[in-house]
Amino acid sequence: KMSTSCMCTTATLITSDGKAGPFGMAGHALIPEINKTIAPGEEAYIEVTFDPAAHGPSGTGKIRRVVYVEQGGSDKPLELVFEANVIK
């Protein structure tokens, strides 16, 4: 599974087989399982979209968002973090 820390952020998995997603914040949207195996040496990308307008005019300042990637066989998800300073 893949999810994000805020509704203003979505993530899409891109592999040689195509795209899966976009996935959003858990609890605010259905987060389906991604049944894909990424072989050693194979490349995959996670495309992240952040909408700074999602929080309205008061949504300015420093933000920190996380994309969580659950991996089969691991209890701890991979966390991809990005930060920004929203000025308008």
PDB file of N, CA and C in Angstrom:
ATOM      1  N   LYS A   1       0.841  -1.183   0.000  1.00  0.00           N
ATOM      2  CA  LYS A   1       0.000   0.000   0.000  1.00  0.00           C
ATOM      3  C   LYS A   1       0.877   1.233   0.000  1.00  0.00           C
ATOM      4  N   MET A   2       0.286   2.339  -0.456  1.00  0.00           N
ATOM      5  CA  MET A   2       0.967   3.624  -0.437  1.00  0.00           C
ATOM      6  C   MET A   2      -0.061   4.653  -0.008  1.00  0.00           C
ATOM      7  N   SER A   3       0.334   5.553   0.894  1.00  0.00           N
ATOM      8  CA  SER A   3      -0.572   6.612   1.349  1.00  0.00           C
ATOM      9  C   SER A   3       0.245   7.860   1.661  1.00  0.00           C
ATOM     10  N   THR A   4      -0.462   8.966   1.928  1.00  0.00           N
ATOM     11  CA  THR A   4       0.203  10.228   2.219  1.00  0.00           C
ATOM     12  C   THR A   4      -0.244  10.758   3.579  1.00  0.00           C
ATOM     13  N   SER A   5       0.489  11.743   4.074  1.00  0.00           N
ATOM     14  CA  SER A   5       0.211  12.291   5.401  1.00  0.00           C
ATOM     15  C   SER A   5      -0.843  13.394   5.390  1.00  0.00           C
ATOM     16  N   CYS A   6      -1.279  13.825   4.214  1.00  0.00           N
ATOM     17  CA  CYS A   6      -2.236  14.932   4.129  1.00  0.00           C
ATOM     18  C   CYS A   6      -3.059  14.810   2.852  1.00  0.00           C
ATOM     19  N   MET A   7      -4.279  15.308   2.899  1.00  0.00           N
ATOM     20  CA  MET A   7      -5.149  15.254   1.718  1.00  0.00           C
ATOM     21  C   MET A   7      -4.647  16.133   0.577  1.00  0.00           C
ATOM     22  N   CYS A   8      -3.732  17.059   0.863  1.00  0.00           N
ATOM     23  CA  CYS A   8      -3.205  17.944  -0.172  1.00  0.00           C
ATOM     24  C   CYS A   8      -2.137  17.264  -1.031  1.00  0.00           C
ATOM     25  N   THR A   9      -1.829  16.018  -0.711  1.00  0.00           N
ATOM     26  CA  THR A   9      -0.739  15.307  -1.374  1.00  0.00           C
ATOM     27  C   THR A   9      -1.235  13.961  -1.897  1.00  0.00           C
ATOM     28  N   THR A  10      -0.850  13.624  -3.120  1.00  0.00           N
ATOM     29  CA  THR A  10      -1.146  12.313  -3.683  1.00  0.00           C
ATOM     30  C   THR A  10       0.153  11.694  -4.214  1.00  0.00           C
ATOM     31  N   ALA A  11       0.162  10.370  -4.318  1.00  0.00           N
ATOM     32  CA  ALA A  11       1.338   9.666  -4.814  1.00  0.00           C
ATOM     33  C   ALA A  11       0.901   8.593  -5.800  1.00  0.00           C
ATOM     34  N   THR A  12       1.679   8.438  -6.866  1.00  0.00           N
ATOM     35  CA  THR A  12       1.409   7.454  -7.914  1.00  0.00           C
ATOM     36  C   THR A  12       2.665   6.614  -8.125  1.00  0.00           C
ATOM     37  N   LEU A  13       2.505   5.293  -8.147  1.00  0.00           N
ATOM     38  CA  LEU A  13       3.614   4.391  -8.428  1.00  0.00           C
ATOM     39  C   LEU A  13       3.711   4.198  -9.933  1.00  0.00           C
ATOM     40  N   ILE A  14       4.911   4.370 -10.473  1.00  0.00           N
ATOM     41  CA  ILE A  14       5.134   4.206 -11.913  1.00  0.00           C
ATOM     42  C   ILE A  14       6.197   3.123 -12.113  1.00  0.00           C
ATOM     43  N   THR A  15       5.807   2.064 -12.821  1.00  0.00           N
ATOM     44  CA  THR A  15       6.733   0.974 -13.145  1.00  0.00           C
ATOM     45  C   THR A  15       6.681   0.736 -14.649  1.00  0.00           C
ATOM     46  N   SER A  16       7.460  -0.217 -15.109  1.00  0.00           N
ATOM     47  CA  SER A  16       7.449  -0.544 -16.536  1.00  0.00           C
ATOM     48  C   SER A  16       6.094  -1.097 -16.971  1.00  0.00           C
ATOM     49  N   ASP A  17       5.279  -1.582 -15.998  1.00  0.00           N
ATOM     50  CA  ASP A  17       3.941  -2.102 -16.295  1.00  0.00           C
ATOM     51  C   ASP A  17       2.884  -1.010 -16.383  1.00  0.00           C
ATOM     52  N   GLY A  18       3.240   0.218 -15.982  1.00  0.00           N
ATOM     53  CA  GLY A  18       2.271   1.310 -16.001  1.00  0.00           C
ATOM     54  C   GLY A  18       2.183   2.006 -14.657  1.00  0.00           C
ATOM     55  N   LYS A  19       1.053   2.667 -14.424  1.00  0.00           N
ATOM     56  CA  LYS A  19       0.852   3.459 -13.214  1.00  0.00           C
ATOM     57  C   LYS A  19      -0.163   2.802 -12.290  1.00  0.00           C
ATOM     58  N   ALA A  20       0.035   3.011 -10.987  1.00  0.00           N
ATOM     59  CA  ALA A  20      -0.936   2.595  -9.978  1.00  0.00           C
ATOM     60  C   ALA A  20      -1.186   3.810  -9.096  1.00  0.00           C
ATOM     61  N   GLY A  21      -2.443   4.168  -8.944  1.00  0.00           N
ATOM     62  CA  GLY A  21      -2.771   5.341  -8.135  1.00  0.00           C
ATOM     63  C   GLY A  21      -3.515   6.355  -8.960  1.00  0.00           C
ATOM     64  N   PRO A  22      -3.678   7.540  -8.458  1.00  0.00           N
ATOM     65  CA  PRO A  22      -2.992   8.120  -7.304  1.00  0.00           C
ATOM     66  C   PRO A  22      -3.601   7.663  -5.974  1.00  0.00           C
ATOM     67  N   PHE A  23      -2.757   7.681  -4.944  1.00  0.00           N
ATOM     68  CA  PHE A  23      -3.142   7.313  -3.596  1.00  0.00           C
ATOM     69  C   PHE A  23      -3.049   8.543  -2.711  1.00  0.00           C
ATOM     70  N   GLY A  24      -3.976   8.651  -1.757  1.00  0.00           N
ATOM     71  CA  GLY A  24      -4.023   9.825  -0.886  1.00  0.00           C
ATOM     72  C   GLY A  24      -3.890   9.457   0.574  1.00  0.00           C
ATOM     73  N   MET A  25      -4.468  10.293   1.409  1.00  0.00           N
ATOM     74  CA  MET A  25      -4.355  10.154   2.856  1.00  0.00           C
ATOM     75  C   MET A  25      -5.245   9.026   3.363  1.00  0.00           C
ATOM     76  N   ALA A  26      -4.660   8.149   4.163  1.00  0.00           N
ATOM     77  CA  ALA A  26      -5.422   7.050   4.769  1.00  0.00           C
ATOM     78  C   ALA A  26      -6.513   7.624   5.670  1.00  0.00           C
ATOM     79  N   GLY A  27      -7.686   7.004   5.639  1.00  0.00           N
ATOM     80  CA  GLY A  27      -8.808   7.474   6.439  1.00  0.00           C
ATOM     81  C   GLY A  27      -9.685   8.478   5.707  1.00  0.00           C
ATOM     82  N   HIS A  28      -9.180   9.041   4.611  1.00  0.00           N
ATOM     83  CA  HIS A  28      -9.951  10.002   3.828  1.00  0.00           C
ATOM     84  C   HIS A  28     -10.265   9.484   2.436  1.00  0.00           C
ATOM     85  N   ALA A  29      -9.660   8.355   2.105  1.00  0.00           N
ATOM     86  CA  ALA A  29      -9.909   7.734   0.806  1.00  0.00           C
ATOM     87  C   ALA A  29      -9.587   6.255   0.934  1.00  0.00           C
ATOM     88  N   LEU A  30     -10.184   5.448   0.096  1.00  0.00           N
ATOM     89  CA  LEU A  30      -9.877   4.028   0.068  1.00  0.00           C
ATOM     90  C   LEU A  30      -8.440   3.863  -0.420  1.00  0.00           C
ATOM     91  N   ILE A  31      -7.630   3.151   0.334  1.00  0.00           N
ATOM     92  CA  ILE A  31      -6.242   2.922  -0.051  1.00  0.00           C
ATOM     93  C   ILE A  31      -6.102   1.445  -0.441  1.00  0.00           C
ATOM     94  N   PRO A  32      -6.202   1.144  -1.733  1.00  0.00           N
ATOM     95  CA  PRO A  32      -6.111  -0.252  -2.161  1.00  0.00           C
ATOM     96  C   PRO A  32      -4.672  -0.764  -2.098  1.00  0.00           C
ATOM     97  N   GLU A  33      -4.537  -2.066  -2.031  1.00  0.00           N
ATOM     98  CA  GLU A  33      -3.219  -2.677  -2.078  1.00  0.00           C
ATOM     99  C   GLU A  33      -2.672  -2.584  -3.491  1.00  0.00           C
ATOM    100  N   ILE A  34      -1.350  -2.480  -3.576  1.00  0.00           N
ATOM    101  CA  ILE A  34      -0.672  -2.495  -4.871  1.00  0.00           C
ATOM    102  C   ILE A  34      -0.005  -3.863  -4.969  1.00  0.00           C
ATOM    103  N   ASN A  35      -0.438  -4.680  -5.890  1.00  0.00           N
ATOM    104  CA  ASN A  35       0.107  -6.025  -6.001  1.00  0.00           C
ATOM    105  C   ASN A  35       1.144  -6.053  -7.113  1.00  0.00           C
ATOM    106  N   LYS A  36       2.310  -5.447  -6.845  1.00  0.00           N
ATOM    107  CA  LYS A  36       3.379  -5.401  -7.835  1.00  0.00           C
ATOM    108  C   LYS A  36       4.672  -5.845  -7.177  1.00  0.00           C
ATOM    109  N   THR A  37       5.468  -6.582  -7.907  1.00  0.00           N
ATOM    110  CA  THR A  37       6.798  -6.956  -7.457  1.00  0.00           C
ATOM    111  C   THR A  37       7.803  -6.171  -8.277  1.00  0.00           C
ATOM    112  N   ILE A  38       8.713  -5.524  -7.582  1.00  0.00           N
ATOM    113  CA  ILE A  38       9.787  -4.796  -8.251  1.00  0.00           C
ATOM    114  C   ILE A  38      11.041  -5.635  -8.082  1.00  0.00           C
ATOM    115  N   ALA A  39      11.519  -6.180  -9.176  1.00  0.00           N
ATOM    116  CA  ALA A  39      12.656  -7.100  -9.149  1.00  0.00           C
ATOM    117  C   ALA A  39      13.956  -6.342  -8.861  1.00  0.00           C
ATOM    118  N   PRO A  40      14.946  -7.028  -8.308  1.00  0.00           N
ATOM    119  CA  PRO A  40      16.251  -6.389  -8.113  1.00  0.00           C
ATOM    120  C   PRO A  40      16.764  -5.821  -9.436  1.00  0.00           C
ATOM    121  N   GLY A  41      17.211  -4.590  -9.405  1.00  0.00           N
ATOM    122  CA  GLY A  41      17.709  -3.937 -10.618  1.00  0.00           C
ATOM    123  C   GLY A  41      16.638  -3.234 -11.431  1.00  0.00           C
ATOM    124  N   GLU A  42      15.376  -3.535 -11.173  1.00  0.00           N
ATOM    125  CA  GLU A  42      14.281  -2.879 -11.892  1.00  0.00           C
ATOM    126  C   GLU A  42      14.044  -1.499 -11.278  1.00  0.00           C
ATOM    127  N   GLU A  43      13.702  -0.537 -12.096  1.00  0.00           N
ATOM    128  CA  GLU A  43      13.439   0.813 -11.611  1.00  0.00           C
ATOM    129  C   GLU A  43      11.946   1.050 -11.456  1.00  0.00           C
ATOM    130  N   ALA A  44      11.616   1.805 -10.430  1.00  0.00           N
ATOM    131  CA  ALA A  44      10.243   2.248 -10.198  1.00  0.00           C
ATOM    132  C   ALA A  44      10.323   3.672  -9.688  1.00  0.00           C
ATOM    133  N   TYR A  45       9.294   4.445  -9.948  1.00  0.00           N
ATOM    134  CA  TYR A  45       9.260   5.843  -9.542  1.00  0.00           C
ATOM    135  C   TYR A  45       7.983   6.102  -8.752  1.00  0.00           C
ATOM    136  N   ILE A  46       8.056   7.052  -7.857  1.00  0.00           N
ATOM    137  CA  ILE A  46       6.866   7.520  -7.159  1.00  0.00           C
ATOM    138  C   ILE A  46       6.713   8.987  -7.490  1.00  0.00           C
ATOM    139  N   GLU A  47       5.625   9.296  -8.183  1.00  0.00           N
ATOM    140  CA  GLU A  47       5.324  10.670  -8.571  1.00  0.00           C
ATOM    141  C   GLU A  47       4.429  11.269  -7.491  1.00  0.00           C
ATOM    142  N   VAL A  48       4.867  12.367  -6.890  1.00  0.00           N
ATOM    143  CA  VAL A  48       4.134  13.006  -5.806  1.00  0.00           C
ATOM    144  C   VAL A  48       3.614  14.355  -6.278  1.00  0.00           C
ATOM    145  N   THR A  49       2.336  14.607  -5.996  1.00  0.00           N
ATOM    146  CA  THR A  49       1.714  15.874  -6.336  1.00  0.00           C
ATOM    147  C   THR A  49       1.248  16.551  -5.053  1.00  0.00           C
ATOM    148  N   PHE A  50       1.679  17.787  -4.862  1.00  0.00           N
ATOM    149  CA  PHE A  50       1.304  18.587  -3.695  1.00  0.00           C
ATOM    150  C   PHE A  50       0.498  19.776  -4.188  1.00  0.00           C
ATOM    151  N   ASP A  51      -0.683  19.994  -3.610  1.00  0.00           N
ATOM    152  CA  ASP A  51      -1.539  21.122  -3.978  1.00  0.00           C
ATOM    153  C   ASP A  51      -1.527  22.142  -2.837  1.00  0.00           C
ATOM    154  N   PRO A  52      -0.718  23.196  -2.945  1.00  0.00           N
ATOM    155  CA  PRO A  52      -0.621  24.174  -1.860  1.00  0.00           C
ATOM    156  C   PRO A  52      -1.922  24.940  -1.631  1.00  0.00           C
ATOM    157  N   ALA A  53      -2.811  24.958  -2.602  1.00  0.00           N
ATOM    158  CA  ALA A  53      -4.084  25.673  -2.459  1.00  0.00           C
ATOM    159  C   ALA A  53      -5.124  24.865  -1.688  1.00  0.00           C
ATOM    160  N   ALA A  54      -4.838  23.607  -1.396  1.00  0.00           N
ATOM    161  CA  ALA A  54      -5.814  22.736  -0.736  1.00  0.00           C
ATOM    162  C   ALA A  54      -6.213  23.222   0.645  1.00  0.00           C
ATOM    163  N   HIS A  55      -5.354  23.965   1.301  1.00  0.00           N
ATOM    164  CA  HIS A  55      -5.639  24.455   2.653  1.00  0.00           C
ATOM    165  C   HIS A  55      -6.155  25.900   2.663  1.00  0.00           C
ATOM    166  N   GLY A  56      -6.383  26.449   1.493  1.00  0.00           N
ATOM    167  CA  GLY A  56      -6.910  27.814   1.409  1.00  0.00           C
ATOM    168  C   GLY A  56      -5.857  28.858   1.740  1.00  0.00           C
ATOM    169  N   PRO A  57      -6.295  30.106   1.876  1.00  0.00           N
ATOM    170  CA  PRO A  57      -5.348  31.203   2.095  1.00  0.00           C
ATOM    171  C   PRO A  57      -4.551  31.079   3.393  1.00  0.00           C
ATOM    172  N   SER A  58      -5.080  30.368   4.374  1.00  0.00           N
ATOM    173  CA  SER A  58      -4.360  30.238   5.641  1.00  0.00           C
ATOM    174  C   SER A  58      -3.306  29.136   5.598  1.00  0.00           C
ATOM    175  N   GLY A  59      -3.203  28.435   4.497  1.00  0.00           N
ATOM    176  CA  GLY A  59      -2.270  27.318   4.387  1.00  0.00           C
ATOM    177  C   GLY A  59      -0.879  27.719   3.948  1.00  0.00           C
ATOM    178  N   THR A  60      -0.368  28.824   4.466  1.00  0.00           N
ATOM    179  CA  THR A  60       0.980  29.257   4.109  1.00  0.00           C
ATOM    180  C   THR A  60       1.960  28.913   5.229  1.00  0.00           C
ATOM    181  N   GLY A  61       3.234  28.993   4.899  1.00  0.00           N
ATOM    182  CA  GLY A  61       4.283  28.697   5.870  1.00  0.00           C
ATOM    183  C   GLY A  61       4.963  27.381   5.552  1.00  0.00           C
ATOM    184  N   LYS A  62       5.770  26.934   6.500  1.00  0.00           N
ATOM    185  CA  LYS A  62       6.535  25.706   6.301  1.00  0.00           C
ATOM    186  C   LYS A  62       5.625  24.485   6.438  1.00  0.00           C
ATOM    187  N   ILE A  63       5.831  23.538   5.528  1.00  0.00           N
ATOM    188  CA  ILE A  63       5.066  22.283   5.572  1.00  0.00           C
ATOM    189  C   ILE A  63       6.036  21.118   5.495  1.00  0.00           C
ATOM    190  N   ARG A  64       5.597  19.994   6.003  1.00  0.00           N
ATOM    191  CA  ARG A  64       6.342  18.732   5.913  1.00  0.00           C
ATOM    192  C   ARG A  64       5.318  17.657   5.574  1.00  0.00           C
ATOM    193  N   ARG A  65       5.502  16.974   4.468  1.00  0.00           N
ATOM    194  CA  ARG A  65       4.590  15.932   4.037  1.00  0.00           C
ATOM    195  C   ARG A  65       5.353  14.618   3.874  1.00  0.00           C
ATOM    196  N   VAL A  66       4.634  13.516   4.051  1.00  0.00           N
ATOM    197  CA  VAL A  66       5.252  12.199   3.990  1.00  0.00           C
ATOM    198  C   VAL A  66       4.438  11.300   3.068  1.00  0.00           C
ATOM    199  N   VAL A  67       5.126  10.509   2.269  1.00  0.00           N
ATOM    200  CA  VAL A  67       4.520   9.438   1.496  1.00  0.00           C
ATOM    201  C   VAL A  67       4.975   8.138   2.162  1.00  0.00           C
ATOM    202  N   TYR A  68       4.007   7.307   2.551  1.00  0.00           N
ATOM    203  CA  TYR A  68       4.291   6.035   3.207  1.00  0.00           C
ATOM    204  C   TYR A  68       4.155   4.910   2.195  1.00  0.00           C
ATOM    205  N   VAL A  69       5.180   4.078   2.093  1.00  0.00           N
ATOM    206  CA  VAL A  69       5.174   2.944   1.178  1.00  0.00           C
ATOM    207  C   VAL A  69       5.323   1.678   2.012  1.00  0.00           C
ATOM    208  N   GLU A  70       4.251   0.886   2.085  1.00  0.00           N
ATOM    209  CA  GLU A  70       4.308  -0.382   2.814  1.00  0.00           C
ATOM    210  C   GLU A  70       4.929  -1.429   1.903  1.00  0.00           C
ATOM    211  N   GLN A  71       5.851  -2.184   2.477  1.00  0.00           N
ATOM    212  CA  GLN A  71       6.557  -3.207   1.719  1.00  0.00           C
ATOM    213  C   GLN A  71       6.223  -4.576   2.278  1.00  0.00           C
ATOM    214  N   GLY A  72       5.950  -5.517   1.409  1.00  0.00           N
ATOM    215  CA  GLY A  72       5.670  -6.870   1.858  1.00  0.00           C
ATOM    216  C   GLY A  72       6.812  -7.417   2.695  1.00  0.00           C
ATOM    217  N   GLY A  73       6.481  -8.030   3.830  1.00  0.00           N
ATOM    218  CA  GLY A  73       7.499  -8.622   4.684  1.00  0.00           C
ATOM    219  C   GLY A  73       8.147  -7.662   5.662  1.00  0.00           C
ATOM    220  N   SER A  74       7.711  -6.403   5.678  1.00  0.00           N
ATOM    221  CA  SER A  74       8.282  -5.418   6.598  1.00  0.00           C
ATOM    222  C   SER A  74       7.170  -4.778   7.415  1.00  0.00           C
ATOM    223  N   ASP A  75       7.396  -4.638   8.712  1.00  0.00           N
ATOM    224  CA  ASP A  75       6.402  -4.000   9.583  1.00  0.00           C
ATOM    225  C   ASP A  75       6.470  -2.482   9.530  1.00  0.00           C
ATOM    226  N   LYS A  76       7.593  -1.946   9.081  1.00  0.00           N
ATOM    227  CA  LYS A  76       7.780  -0.492   9.064  1.00  0.00           C
ATOM    228  C   LYS A  76       7.745   0.019   7.621  1.00  0.00           C
ATOM    229  N   PRO A  77       6.841   0.967   7.323  1.00  0.00           N
ATOM    230  CA  PRO A  77       6.795   1.481   5.953  1.00  0.00           C
ATOM    231  C   PRO A  77       7.995   2.376   5.642  1.00  0.00           C
ATOM    232  N   LEU A  78       8.344   2.423   4.389  1.00  0.00           N
ATOM    233  CA  LEU A  78       9.335   3.368   3.895  1.00  0.00           C
ATOM    234  C   LEU A  78       8.687   4.747   3.923  1.00  0.00           C
ATOM    235  N   GLU A  79       9.388   5.764   4.419  1.00  0.00           N
ATOM    236  CA  GLU A  79       8.842   7.123   4.474  1.00  0.00           C
ATOM    237  C   GLU A  79       9.641   8.030   3.552  1.00  0.00           C
ATOM    238  N   LEU A  80       8.957   8.610   2.579  1.00  0.00           N
ATOM    239  CA  LEU A  80       9.552   9.595   1.682  1.00  0.00           C
ATOM    240  C   LEU A  80       9.055  10.960   2.135  1.00  0.00           C
ATOM    241  N   VAL A  81       9.957  11.846   2.524  1.00  0.00           N
ATOM    242  CA  VAL A  81       9.600  13.124   3.125  1.00  0.00           C
ATOM    243  C   VAL A  81       9.990  14.267   2.206  1.00  0.00           C
ATOM    244  N   PHE A  82       9.105  15.263   2.099  1.00  0.00           N
ATOM    245  CA  PHE A  82       9.495  16.510   1.445  1.00  0.00           C
ATOM    246  C   PHE A  82       8.991  17.680   2.274  1.00  0.00           C
ATOM    247  N   GLU A  83       9.716  18.785   2.189  1.00  0.00           N
ATOM    248  CA  GLU A  83       9.374  19.997   2.926  1.00  0.00           C
ATOM    249  C   GLU A  83       9.342  21.169   1.960  1.00  0.00           C
ATOM    250  N   ALA A  84       8.538  22.166   2.289  1.00  0.00           N
ATOM    251  CA  ALA A  84       8.416  23.359   1.459  1.00  0.00           C
ATOM    252  C   ALA A  84       8.018  24.530   2.329  1.00  0.00           C
ATOM    253  N   ASN A  85       8.162  25.703   1.771  1.00  0.00           N
ATOM    254  CA  ASN A  85       7.683  26.916   2.420  1.00  0.00           C
ATOM    255  C   ASN A  85       6.671  27.547   1.475  1.00  0.00           C
ATOM    256  N   VAL A  86       5.402  27.431   1.799  1.00  0.00           N
ATOM    257  CA  VAL A  86       4.311  27.947   0.957  1.00  0.00           C
ATOM    258  C   VAL A  86       4.155  29.429   1.258  1.00  0.00           C
ATOM    259  N   ILE A  87       4.326  30.268   0.228  1.00  0.00           N
ATOM    260  CA  ILE A  87       4.257  31.708   0.464  1.00  0.00           C
ATOM    261  C   ILE A  87       2.979  32.349  -0.049  1.00  0.00           C
ATOM    262  N   LYS A  88       2.267  31.726  -0.943  1.00  0.00           N
ATOM    263  CA  LYS A  88       0.986  32.259  -1.426  1.00  0.00           C
ATOM    264  C   LYS A  88       0.069  31.142  -1.800  1.00  0.00           C
TER     265      LYS A  88
END
